PDB file of all heavy atoms in Angstrom:
ATOM      1  N   ALA A   1       9.623  -3.943  -8.742  1.00  0.00           N
ATOM      2  CA  ALA A   1      10.024  -4.704  -9.903  1.00  0.00           C
ATOM      3  C   ALA A   1      11.410  -4.304 -10.448  1.00  0.00           C
ATOM      4  O   ALA A   1      12.101  -5.145 -11.079  1.00  0.00           O
ATOM      5  CB  ALA A   1       9.014  -4.392 -11.016  1.00  0.00           C
ATOM      6  N   ASP A   2      11.871  -3.045 -10.166  1.00  0.00           N
ATOM      7  CA  ASP A   2      13.154  -2.603 -10.619  1.00  0.00           C
ATOM      8  C   ASP A   2      14.306  -2.687  -9.690  1.00  0.00           C
ATOM      9  O   ASP A   2      15.335  -2.155  -9.888  1.00  0.00           O
ATOM     10  CB  ASP A   2      12.998  -1.106 -11.120  1.00  0.00           C
ATOM     11  CG  ASP A   2      12.567  -0.217 -10.023  1.00  0.00           C
ATOM     12  OD1 ASP A   2      12.085  -0.769  -8.992  1.00  0.00           O
ATOM     13  OD2 ASP A   2      12.737   1.007 -10.129  1.00  0.00           O
ATOM     14  N   GLY A   3      14.028  -3.399  -8.525  1.00  0.00           N
ATOM     15  CA  GLY A   3      15.065  -3.568  -7.536  1.00  0.00           C
ATOM     16  C   GLY A   3      15.107  -2.382  -6.546  1.00  0.00           C
ATOM     17  O   GLY A   3      15.908  -2.414  -5.593  1.00  0.00           O
ATOM     18  N   GLY A   4      14.107  -1.507  -6.661  1.00  0.00           N
ATOM     19  CA  GLY A   4      13.926  -0.487  -5.634  1.00  0.00           C
ATOM     20  C   GLY A   4      13.110  -1.015  -4.473  1.00  0.00           C
ATOM     21  O   GLY A   4      12.833  -2.184  -4.332  1.00  0.00           O
ATOM     22  N   ARG A   5      12.762  -0.024  -3.591  1.00  0.00           N
ATOM     23  CA  ARG A   5      11.984  -0.432  -2.361  1.00  0.00           C
ATOM     24  C   ARG A   5      10.982   0.692  -2.048  1.00  0.00           C
ATOM     25  O   ARG A   5      11.220   1.807  -2.309  1.00  0.00           O
ATOM     26  CB  ARG A   5      12.906  -0.707  -1.184  1.00  0.00           C
ATOM     27  CG  ARG A   5      13.778  -1.947  -1.349  1.00  0.00           C
ATOM     28  CD  ARG A   5      14.592  -2.210  -0.090  1.00  0.00           C
ATOM     29  NE  ARG A   5      15.298  -3.446  -0.181  1.00  0.00           N
ATOM     30  CZ  ARG A   5      16.586  -3.583  -0.647  1.00  0.00           C
ATOM     31  NH1 ARG A   5      17.220  -2.454  -1.045  1.00  0.00           N
ATOM     32  NH2 ARG A   5      17.146  -4.773  -0.690  1.00  0.00           N
ATOM     33  N   VAL A   6       9.892   0.247  -1.442  1.00  0.00           N
ATOM     34  CA  VAL A   6       8.881   1.185  -0.933  1.00  0.00           C
ATOM     35  C   VAL A   6       8.641   0.859   0.546  1.00  0.00           C
ATOM     36  O   VAL A   6       8.789  -0.190   1.013  1.00  0.00           O
ATOM     37  CB  VAL A   6       7.587   1.178  -1.679  1.00  0.00           C
ATOM     38  CG1 VAL A   6       7.839   1.563  -3.129  1.00  0.00           C
ATOM     39  CG2 VAL A   6       7.057  -0.231  -1.664  1.00  0.00           C
ATOM     40  N   ALA A   7       8.202   1.899   1.288  1.00  0.00           N
ATOM     41  CA  ALA A   7       7.804   1.755   2.669  1.00  0.00           C
ATOM     42  C   ALA A   7       6.269   1.726   2.654  1.00  0.00           C
ATOM     43  O   ALA A   7       5.588   2.619   1.993  1.00  0.00           O
ATOM     44  CB  ALA A   7       8.284   2.945   3.492  1.00  0.00           C
ATOM     45  N   PHE A   8       5.663   0.725   3.310  1.00  0.00           N
ATOM     46  CA  PHE A   8       4.253   0.579   3.316  1.00  0.00           C
ATOM     47  C   PHE A   8       3.824   0.788   4.774  1.00  0.00           C
ATOM     48  O   PHE A   8       4.287  -0.029   5.659  1.00  0.00           O
ATOM     49  CB  PHE A   8       3.869  -0.814   2.818  1.00  0.00           C
ATOM     50  CG  PHE A   8       2.474  -1.096   2.781  1.00  0.00           C
ATOM     51  CD1 PHE A   8       1.468  -0.147   2.394  1.00  0.00           C
ATOM     52  CD2 PHE A   8       1.973  -2.381   3.098  1.00  0.00           C
ATOM     53  CE1 PHE A   8       0.132  -0.428   2.422  1.00  0.00           C
ATOM     54  CE2 PHE A   8       0.542  -2.697   3.051  1.00  0.00           C
ATOM     55  CZ  PHE A   8      -0.319  -1.682   2.658  1.00  0.00           C
ATOM     56  N   GLY A   9       2.876   1.609   5.045  1.00  0.00           N
ATOM     57  CA  GLY A   9       2.435   1.877   6.483  1.00  0.00           C
ATOM     58  C   GLY A   9       0.990   2.102   6.624  1.00  0.00           C
ATOM     59  O   GLY A   9       0.543   2.962   7.362  1.00  0.00           O
ATOM     60  N   ALA A  10       0.182   1.120   5.979  1.00  0.00           N
ATOM     61  CA  ALA A  10      -1.277   1.353   6.084  1.00  0.00           C
ATOM     62  C   ALA A  10      -1.771   0.630   7.336  1.00  0.00           C
ATOM     63  O   ALA A  10      -2.378  -0.479   7.276  1.00  0.00           O
ATOM     64  CB  ALA A  10      -1.958   0.810   4.840  1.00  0.00           C
ATOM     65  N   ILE A  11      -1.584   1.196   8.492  1.00  0.00           N
ATOM     66  CA  ILE A  11      -1.968   0.542   9.749  1.00  0.00           C
ATOM     67  C   ILE A  11      -3.488   0.610   9.861  1.00  0.00           C
ATOM     68  O   ILE A  11      -4.118  -0.432  10.182  1.00  0.00           O
ATOM     69  CB  ILE A  11      -1.321   1.257  10.919  1.00  0.00           C
ATOM     70  CG1 ILE A  11       0.236   1.099  10.820  1.00  0.00           C
ATOM     71  CG2 ILE A  11      -1.806   0.684  12.185  1.00  0.00           C
ATOM     72  CD1 ILE A  11       0.980   1.849  11.908  1.00  0.00           C
ATOM     73  N   GLU A  12      -4.162   1.704   9.613  1.00  0.00           N
ATOM     74  CA  GLU A  12      -5.539   1.969   9.827  1.00  0.00           C
ATOM     75  C   GLU A  12      -6.307   1.267   8.802  1.00  0.00           C
ATOM     76  O   GLU A  12      -5.926   1.205   7.609  1.00  0.00           O
ATOM     77  CB  GLU A  12      -5.876   3.481   9.945  1.00  0.00           C
ATOM     78  CG  GLU A  12      -5.323   4.124  11.141  1.00  0.00           C
ATOM     79  CD  GLU A  12      -3.881   4.597  10.953  1.00  0.00           C
ATOM     80  OE1 GLU A  12      -3.262   4.257   9.937  1.00  0.00           O
ATOM     81  OE2 GLU A  12      -3.283   5.163  11.939  1.00  0.00           O
ATOM     82  N   ASP A  13      -7.561   0.816   9.113  1.00  0.00           N
ATOM     83  CA  ASP A  13      -8.376   0.042   8.157  1.00  0.00           C
ATOM     84  C   ASP A  13      -8.680   0.922   6.936  1.00  0.00           C
ATOM     85  O   ASP A  13      -8.703   0.374   5.801  1.00  0.00           O
ATOM     86  CB  ASP A  13      -9.668  -0.392   8.857  1.00  0.00           C
ATOM     87  CG  ASP A  13      -9.463  -1.465   9.956  1.00  0.00           C
ATOM     88  OD1 ASP A  13      -8.411  -2.086   9.850  1.00  0.00           O
ATOM     89  OD2 ASP A  13     -10.315  -1.592  10.826  1.00  0.00           O
ATOM     90  N   GLY A  14      -9.063   2.178   7.113  1.00  0.00           N
ATOM     91  CA  GLY A  14      -9.414   2.980   5.948  1.00  0.00           C
ATOM     92  C   GLY A  14      -8.180   3.179   5.003  1.00  0.00           C
ATOM     93  O   GLY A  14      -8.417   3.188   3.749  1.00  0.00           O
ATOM     94  N   PHE A  15      -7.038   3.379   5.526  1.00  0.00           N
ATOM     95  CA  PHE A  15      -5.823   3.479   4.729  1.00  0.00           C
ATOM     96  C   PHE A  15      -5.509   2.196   3.985  1.00  0.00           C
ATOM     97  O   PHE A  15      -5.119   2.181   2.812  1.00  0.00           O
ATOM     98  CB  PHE A  15      -4.561   3.890   5.514  1.00  0.00           C
ATOM     99  CG  PHE A  15      -4.798   5.236   6.253  1.00  0.00           C
ATOM    100  CD1 PHE A  15      -4.003   5.571   7.293  1.00  0.00           C
ATOM    101  CD2 PHE A  15      -5.747   6.115   5.837  1.00  0.00           C
ATOM    102  CE1 PHE A  15      -4.096   6.759   7.978  1.00  0.00           C
ATOM    103  CE2 PHE A  15      -5.898   7.358   6.472  1.00  0.00           C
ATOM    104  CZ  PHE A  15      -5.093   7.688   7.540  1.00  0.00           C
ATOM    105  N   PHE A  16      -5.691   1.090   4.683  1.00  0.00           N
ATOM    106  CA  PHE A  16      -5.479  -0.210   4.025  1.00  0.00           C
ATOM    107  C   PHE A  16      -6.504  -0.503   2.931  1.00  0.00           C
ATOM    108  O   PHE A  16      -6.151  -0.992   1.832  1.00  0.00           O
ATOM    109  CB  PHE A  16      -5.521  -1.369   5.039  1.00  0.00           C
ATOM    110  CG  PHE A  16      -4.929  -2.653   4.556  1.00  0.00           C
ATOM    111  CD1 PHE A  16      -3.546  -2.854   4.516  1.00  0.00           C
ATOM    112  CD2 PHE A  16      -5.725  -3.688   4.093  1.00  0.00           C
ATOM    113  CE1 PHE A  16      -3.008  -4.044   3.958  1.00  0.00           C
ATOM    114  CE2 PHE A  16      -5.261  -4.866   3.618  1.00  0.00           C
ATOM    115  CZ  PHE A  16      -3.931  -5.049   3.535  1.00  0.00           C
ATOM    116  N   ALA A  17      -7.734  -0.160   3.172  1.00  0.00           N
ATOM    117  CA  ALA A  17      -8.747  -0.279   2.098  1.00  0.00           C
ATOM    118  C   ALA A  17      -8.372   0.588   0.822  1.00  0.00           C
ATOM    119  O   ALA A  17      -8.574   0.094  -0.259  1.00  0.00           O
ATOM    120  CB  ALA A  17     -10.106   0.157   2.698  1.00  0.00           C
ATOM    121  N   GLU A  18      -7.812   1.744   1.089  1.00  0.00           N
ATOM    122  CA  GLU A  18      -7.464   2.557  -0.084  1.00  0.00           C
ATOM    123  C   GLU A  18      -6.274   1.908  -0.800  1.00  0.00           C
ATOM    124  O   GLU A  18      -6.246   2.010  -2.024  1.00  0.00           O
ATOM    125  CB  GLU A  18      -7.080   4.027   0.394  1.00  0.00           C
ATOM    126  CG  GLU A  18      -6.772   4.895  -0.717  1.00  0.00           C
ATOM    127  CD  GLU A  18      -6.974   6.368  -0.402  1.00  0.00           C
ATOM    128  OE1 GLU A  18      -7.503   6.624   0.667  1.00  0.00           O
ATOM    129  OE2 GLU A  18      -6.715   7.268  -1.252  1.00  0.00           O
ATOM    130  N   PHE A  19      -5.387   1.343  -0.101  1.00  0.00           N
ATOM    131  CA  PHE A  19      -4.281   0.612  -0.753  1.00  0.00           C
ATOM    132  C   PHE A  19      -4.856  -0.445  -1.610  1.00  0.00           C
ATOM    133  O   PHE A  19      -4.380  -0.675  -2.724  1.00  0.00           O
ATOM    134  CB  PHE A  19      -3.278   0.031   0.264  1.00  0.00           C
ATOM    135  CG  PHE A  19      -2.416  -0.900  -0.241  1.00  0.00           C
ATOM    136  CD1 PHE A  19      -1.317  -0.645  -1.063  1.00  0.00           C
ATOM    137  CD2 PHE A  19      -2.588  -2.340  -0.032  1.00  0.00           C
ATOM    138  CE1 PHE A  19      -0.453  -1.587  -1.537  1.00  0.00           C
ATOM    139  CE2 PHE A  19      -1.752  -3.286  -0.562  1.00  0.00           C
ATOM    140  CZ  PHE A  19      -0.682  -2.907  -1.340  1.00  0.00           C
ATOM    141  N   LEU A  20      -5.769  -1.305  -1.077  1.00  0.00           N
ATOM    142  CA  LEU A  20      -6.273  -2.352  -1.870  1.00  0.00           C
ATOM    143  C   LEU A  20      -6.981  -1.865  -3.037  1.00  0.00           C
ATOM    144  O   LEU A  20      -6.857  -2.434  -4.203  1.00  0.00           O
ATOM    145  CB  LEU A  20      -7.289  -3.143  -1.002  1.00  0.00           C
ATOM    146  CG  LEU A  20      -6.724  -3.884   0.267  1.00  0.00           C
ATOM    147  CD1 LEU A  20      -7.840  -4.672   0.977  1.00  0.00           C
ATOM    148  CD2 LEU A  20      -5.684  -4.964  -0.243  1.00  0.00           C
ATOM    149  N   ALA A  21      -7.742  -0.749  -2.945  1.00  0.00           N
ATOM    150  CA  ALA A  21      -8.462  -0.266  -4.093  1.00  0.00           C
ATOM    151  C   ALA A  21      -7.563   0.213  -5.206  1.00  0.00           C
ATOM    152  O   ALA A  21      -7.757  -0.036  -6.452  1.00  0.00           O
ATOM    153  CB  ALA A  21      -9.440   0.822  -3.663  1.00  0.00           C
ATOM    154  N   LEU A  22      -6.450   0.860  -4.849  1.00  0.00           N
ATOM    155  CA  LEU A  22      -5.537   1.434  -5.873  1.00  0.00           C
ATOM    156  C   LEU A  22      -4.632   0.429  -6.431  1.00  0.00           C
ATOM    157  O   LEU A  22      -4.255   0.481  -7.565  1.00  0.00           O
ATOM    158  CB  LEU A  22      -4.850   2.612  -5.198  1.00  0.00           C
ATOM    159  CG  LEU A  22      -5.652   3.881  -4.943  1.00  0.00           C
ATOM    160  CD1 LEU A  22      -4.771   4.855  -4.062  1.00  0.00           C
ATOM    161  CD2 LEU A  22      -6.079   4.534  -6.236  1.00  0.00           C
ATOM    162  N   SER A  23      -4.166  -0.552  -5.571  1.00  0.00           N
ATOM    163  CA  SER A  23      -3.171  -1.481  -6.080  1.00  0.00           C
ATOM    164  C   SER A  23      -3.812  -2.695  -6.804  1.00  0.00           C
ATOM    165  O   SER A  23      -3.043  -3.231  -7.617  1.00  0.00           O
ATOM    166  CB  SER A  23      -2.372  -2.057  -4.797  1.00  0.00           C
ATOM    167  OG  SER A  23      -3.327  -2.866  -4.067  1.00  0.00           O
ATOM    168  N   GLY A  24      -5.092  -2.893  -6.688  1.00  0.00           N
ATOM    169  CA  GLY A  24      -5.713  -3.981  -7.346  1.00  0.00           C
ATOM    170  C   GLY A  24      -5.544  -5.331  -6.540  1.00  0.00           C
ATOM    171  O   GLY A  24      -5.872  -6.340  -7.076  1.00  0.00           O
TER     172      GLY A  24
END
């Protein structure tokens, strides 16, 4: 939102599931 950037690397299913749960 502020013009910054993030690296996203949730390759594995469990990690992606945690991303979904926390990010909404």
